[in-house]
Amino acid sequence: MKAETVDTLLVSDIHLGSEISRAGDALDLLHSVDFRRLILLGDIFSDLDFGRLTSEHWKFLGAIRKLSNPKRRKQVIWVEGNHDQGLSNVMSHLVGVPVYKQFVWEYAGKRHMAIHGHQFDRFVVNNQLLSRVGEWFYYYMQKLDRKEKRFVRYLDRLNTRWLRLSDKVAHGALGYAKQGKAERVFCGHTHVSLNVERDGVEYFNTGSWIDTKCTYITVCEKGVRLHEYESKRVDDRHPGQEREPVATGTFDIPHPAGLPAYAAYESIPC
């Protein structure tokens, strides 16, 4: 039995094609939540190699295509992540959904903004080649790791902490949303779910679907809720890690890479 209807469901960082993608759980989520709008908030793919997609991954894409059918009366939006770059045209045809660099909508008298968040990650922006090498290394480590994939999941969390991604993306997104007069801003990219508020702007991070704890966000008349998904699948996953609070320090975050100065006010299609 489905729960109450929500206005918007947001998920990010499913990383289809990855050995540690929990696409099956993400598919179960789509079947269990009744929503009017679905926002796929970036890094739905791990890379451009479709040969790595499993049958479970293709089933997830098939479900997205079905949801995009106008007869369903649901709005499906794909927001481009750094791993999705180069797939915008393919995705719009393959699953029939529009792809945006950022998406802005009004609900309950508030302006909401969805942007993947890599635009606030200076390391990714300034070191694209090195980032690709790191992604290649991480993919092959997944092949070598055991069934539970504990080591590669630990590496992912370690990378987030080392680069201080959670606080940097949150800081950048909050300032950007304030510039665009948005009361709420949603990001992914860090793989760490989070909710903080500053200067009247709320920041939410959707987390990911590659770790032991998968998280998603719903927006409804009661407000915004950050949920931890309870998997019905039995496997050998170990307990997840607690998410870390955002740091209180300030960071010199430049204007979001790849977006014009006026961009904060509107949706930007790819």
Protein backbone atom coordinates (compact mmCIF):
# COMPACT_ATOMS: atom_id res chain seq x y z
CA MET A 1 0.00 0.00 0.00
CA LYS A 2 1.43 3.38 -1.02
CA ALA A 3 1.83 6.24 1.42
CA GLU A 4 0.32 9.68 0.99
CA THR A 5 0.87 11.45 -2.31
CA VAL A 6 3.84 13.82 -2.25
CA ASP A 7 4.43 16.68 -4.63
CA THR A 8 8.07 15.87 -5.40
CA LEU A 9 10.37 12.88 -4.93
CA LEU A 10 14.12 13.53 -5.31
CA VAL A 11 16.80 10.85 -5.70
CA SER A 12 20.41 11.19 -6.84
CA ASP A 13 23.68 9.34 -7.32
CA ILE A 14 22.36 5.92 -8.31
CA HIS A 15 25.44 5.36 -10.50
CA LEU A 16 23.99 2.83 -12.92
CA GLY A 17 26.81 0.73 -14.30
CA SER A 18 28.62 0.65 -10.97
CA GLU A 19 29.19 -2.59 -9.06
CA ILE A 20 27.79 -0.96 -5.93
CA SER A 21 24.70 0.67 -7.44
CA ARG A 22 21.54 -0.25 -5.55
CA ALA A 23 19.32 0.26 -8.58
CA GLY A 24 16.96 -2.51 -7.48
CA ASP A 25 16.21 -0.70 -4.23
CA ALA A 26 15.76 2.58 -6.14
CA LEU A 27 13.28 0.82 -8.42
CA ASP A 28 11.36 -0.50 -5.40
CA LEU A 29 11.22 3.07 -4.07
CA LEU A 30 9.59 4.33 -7.28
CA HIS A 31 6.90 1.69 -6.88
CA SER A 32 6.28 2.47 -3.20
CA VAL A 33 5.96 6.29 -3.24
CA ASP A 34 3.07 8.13 -4.87
CA PHE A 35 4.44 11.35 -6.32
CA ARG A 36 3.44 14.05 -8.81
CA ARG A 37 7.00 15.00 -9.78
CA LEU A 38 10.20 12.95 -9.85
CA ILE A 39 13.57 14.69 -9.95
CA LEU A 40 16.58 12.53 -10.79
CA LEU A 41 19.19 14.78 -9.24
CA GLY A 42 22.30 13.80 -11.16
CA ASP A 43 24.85 10.99 -11.45
CA ILE A 44 22.17 8.52 -12.36
CA PHE A 45 24.89 6.88 -14.47
CA SER A 46 28.39 6.04 -13.33
CA ASP A 47 29.94 6.64 -16.77
CA LEU A 48 29.22 6.49 -20.49
CA ASP A 49 29.82 2.72 -20.84
CA PHE A 50 26.36 1.18 -21.31
CA GLY A 51 27.99 -2.27 -21.47
CA ARG A 52 28.31 -2.16 -17.67
CA LEU A 53 24.58 -1.89 -17.12
CA THR A 54 23.01 -4.98 -15.56
CA SER A 55 19.45 -6.20 -16.14
CA GLU A 56 18.49 -4.50 -12.87
CA HIS A 57 19.88 -1.21 -14.14
CA TRP A 58 17.93 -1.52 -17.41
CA LYS A 59 14.75 -2.24 -15.43
CA PHE A 60 15.24 1.03 -13.56
CA LEU A 61 15.59 2.92 -16.85
CA GLY A 62 12.53 1.15 -18.19
CA ALA A 63 10.52 2.30 -15.18
CA ILE A 64 11.62 5.90 -15.78
CA ARG A 65 10.47 5.66 -19.38
CA LYS A 66 7.06 4.37 -18.29
CA LEU A 67 6.72 7.17 -15.76
CA SER A 68 7.48 9.74 -18.46
CA ASN A 69 4.41 8.61 -20.45
CA PRO A 70 1.97 11.58 -20.50
CA LYS A 71 -0.84 9.20 -19.53
CA ARG A 72 0.78 8.81 -16.11
CA ARG A 73 0.36 12.54 -15.46
CA LYS A 74 3.69 12.71 -13.64
CA GLN A 75 6.49 15.15 -14.34
CA VAL A 76 9.90 13.50 -14.60
CA ILE A 77 12.98 15.74 -14.60
CA TRP A 78 16.61 14.71 -15.04
CA VAL A 79 19.21 17.12 -13.61
CA GLU A 80 22.66 16.53 -15.11
CA GLY A 81 25.46 15.43 -12.79
CA ASN A 82 29.18 15.35 -13.53
CA HIS A 83 29.01 11.61 -14.30
CA ASP A 84 26.04 12.18 -16.64
CA GLN A 85 27.77 14.76 -18.82
CA GLY A 86 27.64 13.71 -22.44
CA LEU A 87 24.46 11.71 -21.98
CA SER A 88 21.88 14.51 -22.10
CA ASN A 89 20.70 13.95 -25.67
CA VAL A 90 20.83 10.18 -25.28
CA MET A 91 18.74 10.28 -22.14
CA SER A 92 16.11 12.59 -23.51
CA HIS A 93 15.52 10.08 -26.31
CA LEU A 94 16.15 6.84 -24.42
CA VAL A 95 13.83 7.46 -21.49
CA GLY A 96 11.82 10.40 -22.82
CA VAL A 97 12.58 12.94 -20.11
CA PRO A 98 13.94 16.51 -20.33
CA VAL A 99 17.44 17.06 -18.96
CA TYR A 100 18.42 20.24 -17.11
CA LYS A 101 21.60 21.71 -15.72
CA GLN A 102 19.38 22.99 -12.93
CA PHE A 103 15.65 22.95 -12.34
CA VAL A 104 13.60 25.61 -10.54
CA TRP A 105 9.96 25.28 -9.50
CA GLU A 106 7.42 26.95 -7.24
CA TYR A 107 5.50 25.01 -4.59
CA ALA A 108 3.58 26.05 -1.48
CA GLY A 109 4.62 29.67 -2.00
CA LYS A 110 8.35 28.85 -2.03
CA ARG A 111 10.94 28.78 -4.79
CA HIS A 112 12.75 25.44 -4.98
CA MET A 113 16.02 24.81 -6.83
CA ALA A 114 17.57 21.46 -7.81
CA ILE A 115 21.19 21.39 -8.96
CA HIS A 116 23.52 18.39 -8.74
CA GLY A 117 26.22 20.21 -6.76
CA HIS A 118 29.45 19.39 -8.62
CA GLN A 119 29.42 23.01 -9.79
CA PHE A 120 30.50 23.92 -6.24
CA ASP A 121 33.24 21.24 -6.13
CA ARG A 122 36.39 23.08 -7.15
CA PHE A 123 38.45 19.89 -7.34
CA VAL A 124 36.16 18.33 -9.97
CA VAL A 125 35.85 21.60 -11.90
CA ASN A 126 39.60 22.26 -12.02
CA ASN A 127 40.86 18.69 -12.35
CA GLN A 128 38.59 16.94 -14.82
CA LEU A 129 41.28 14.63 -16.22
CA LEU A 130 42.49 13.62 -12.77
CA SER A 131 38.89 13.05 -11.72
CA ARG A 132 38.37 10.69 -14.69
CA VAL A 133 41.49 8.74 -13.73
CA GLY A 134 40.16 8.46 -10.18
CA GLU A 135 36.83 7.18 -11.49
CA TRP A 136 38.62 4.54 -13.59
CA PHE A 137 40.65 3.41 -10.57
CA TYR A 138 37.53 3.30 -8.39
CA TYR A 139 35.68 1.16 -10.97
CA TYR A 140 38.42 -1.47 -11.04
CA MET A 141 38.67 -1.49 -7.25
CA GLN A 142 34.98 -2.42 -7.24
CA LYS A 143 35.84 -5.43 -9.39
CA LEU A 144 38.55 -6.54 -6.96
CA ASP A 145 36.60 -5.95 -3.74
CA ARG A 146 34.56 -8.66 -2.06
CA LYS A 147 30.86 -9.23 -2.49
CA GLU A 148 29.94 -6.81 0.32
CA LYS A 149 32.06 -4.03 -1.30
CA ARG A 150 33.01 -2.70 2.12
CA PHE A 151 36.41 -1.37 1.06
CA VAL A 152 35.22 0.64 -1.96
CA ARG A 153 32.35 2.10 0.05
CA TYR A 154 34.87 3.10 2.70
CA LEU A 155 37.01 4.74 -0.01
CA ASP A 156 33.97 6.72 -1.18
CA ARG A 157 33.30 8.04 2.34
CA LEU A 158 37.00 8.78 2.83
CA ASN A 159 37.09 10.81 -0.39
CA THR A 160 34.13 12.92 0.77
CA ARG A 161 35.80 13.64 4.11
CA TRP A 162 39.23 14.37 2.62
CA LEU A 163 37.85 16.87 0.11
CA ARG A 164 35.37 18.24 2.68
CA LEU A 165 32.70 17.97 0.03
CA SER A 166 29.67 18.11 2.31
CA ASP A 167 30.45 21.51 3.75
CA LYS A 168 31.82 22.99 0.51
CA VAL A 169 28.81 22.00 -1.59
CA ALA A 170 26.40 23.10 1.14
CA HIS A 171 28.13 26.48 1.49
CA GLY A 172 28.20 27.08 -2.25
CA ALA A 173 24.62 25.97 -2.81
CA LEU A 174 23.24 28.12 0.02
CA GLY A 175 24.91 31.25 -1.36
CA TYR A 176 23.79 30.47 -4.91
CA ALA A 177 20.18 29.83 -3.84
CA LYS A 178 20.08 33.08 -1.90
CA GLN A 179 21.25 34.93 -5.02
CA GLY A 180 18.38 33.36 -6.96
CA LYS A 181 15.85 34.14 -4.19
CA ALA A 182 15.16 30.43 -3.62
CA GLU A 183 14.01 29.35 -0.17
CA ARG A 184 15.04 25.71 -0.68
CA VAL A 185 17.94 24.18 -2.62
CA PHE A 186 18.56 20.47 -3.26
CA CYS A 187 21.87 18.85 -4.24
CA GLY A 188 23.48 15.44 -4.57
CA HIS A 189 27.13 14.77 -5.52
CA THR A 190 28.58 14.33 -1.99
CA HIS A 191 26.83 10.97 -1.32
CA VAL A 192 26.10 12.27 2.20
CA SER A 193 22.52 13.21 3.13
CA LEU A 194 22.24 16.51 4.94
CA ASN A 195 19.88 19.31 5.96
CA VAL A 196 21.12 22.73 7.10
CA GLU A 197 19.69 26.25 7.05
CA ARG A 198 21.37 29.64 6.72
CA ASP A 199 20.02 33.15 6.18
CA GLY A 200 16.50 31.90 5.52
CA VAL A 201 17.57 29.31 2.91
CA GLU A 202 17.25 25.57 3.53
CA TYR A 203 19.79 23.19 1.99
CA PHE A 204 19.07 19.49 1.49
CA ASN A 205 21.39 16.81 0.14
CA THR A 206 19.75 13.64 -1.15
CA GLY A 207 22.64 11.31 -0.32
CA SER A 208 23.18 8.34 -2.65
CA TRP A 209 22.17 4.83 -3.71
CA ILE A 210 25.58 3.18 -3.57
CA ASP A 211 26.19 2.88 0.17
CA THR A 212 24.68 0.79 2.94
CA LYS A 213 22.33 3.65 3.79
CA CYS A 214 20.28 4.91 0.86
CA THR A 215 18.41 8.17 1.29
CA TYR A 216 15.87 10.22 -0.62
CA ILE A 217 13.81 13.38 -0.17
CA THR A 218 10.11 14.14 -0.43
CA VAL A 219 8.42 17.53 -0.66
CA CYS A 220 4.76 17.82 0.30
CA GLU A 221 2.37 20.17 2.09
CA LYS A 222 3.88 19.16 5.44
CA GLY A 223 7.32 20.30 4.29
CA VAL A 224 10.54 18.59 3.22
CA ARG A 225 11.51 15.22 4.65
CA LEU A 226 14.79 13.35 4.38
CA HIS A 227 14.16 9.58 4.43
CA GLU A 228 16.39 6.57 4.90
CA TYR A 229 15.28 3.74 2.64
CA GLU A 230 14.53 0.45 4.36
CA SER A 231 15.50 -2.28 1.92
CA LYS A 232 13.33 -5.37 1.66
CA ARG A 233 16.21 -7.24 0.03
CA VAL A 234 18.30 -9.60 2.13
CA ASP A 235 22.06 -9.48 1.63
CA ASP A 236 25.35 -9.12 3.47
CA ARG A 237 25.49 -5.34 3.85
CA HIS A 238 27.07 -4.13 7.05
CA PRO A 239 25.55 -1.28 9.09
CA GLY A 240 25.88 2.13 7.48
CA GLN A 241 27.86 5.10 8.71
CA GLU A 242 26.32 8.10 10.42
CA ARG A 243 26.25 11.21 8.27
CA GLU A 244 28.44 14.07 9.37
CA PRO A 245 27.26 17.60 10.21
CA VAL A 246 28.27 20.41 7.90
CA ALA A 247 31.24 22.47 9.08
CA THR A 248 30.70 26.00 10.35
CA GLY A 249 33.70 27.54 8.60
CA THR A 250 33.54 29.67 5.46
CA PHE A 251 34.95 28.77 2.07
CA ASP A 252 35.93 30.75 -0.98
CA ILE A 253 33.46 29.23 -3.44
CA PRO A 254 33.43 30.73 -6.95
CA HIS A 255 30.31 31.17 -9.05
CA PRO A 256 29.01 27.72 -10.09
CA ALA A 257 31.06 26.41 -12.98
CA GLY A 258 29.36 26.28 -16.35
CA LEU A 259 26.43 28.53 -15.47
CA PRO A 260 25.90 32.18 -16.43
CA ALA A 261 25.63 34.86 -13.76
CA TYR A 262 21.85 35.18 -14.02
CA ALA A 263 21.32 31.41 -13.88
CA ALA A 264 20.10 31.20 -10.30
CA TYR A 265 16.70 32.59 -11.25
CA GLU A 266 15.52 29.97 -13.72
CA SER A 267 15.63 26.41 -14.97
CA ILE A 268 18.40 25.74 -17.50
CA PRO A 269 17.89 22.90 -19.99
CA CYS A 270 20.89 21.01 -21.35
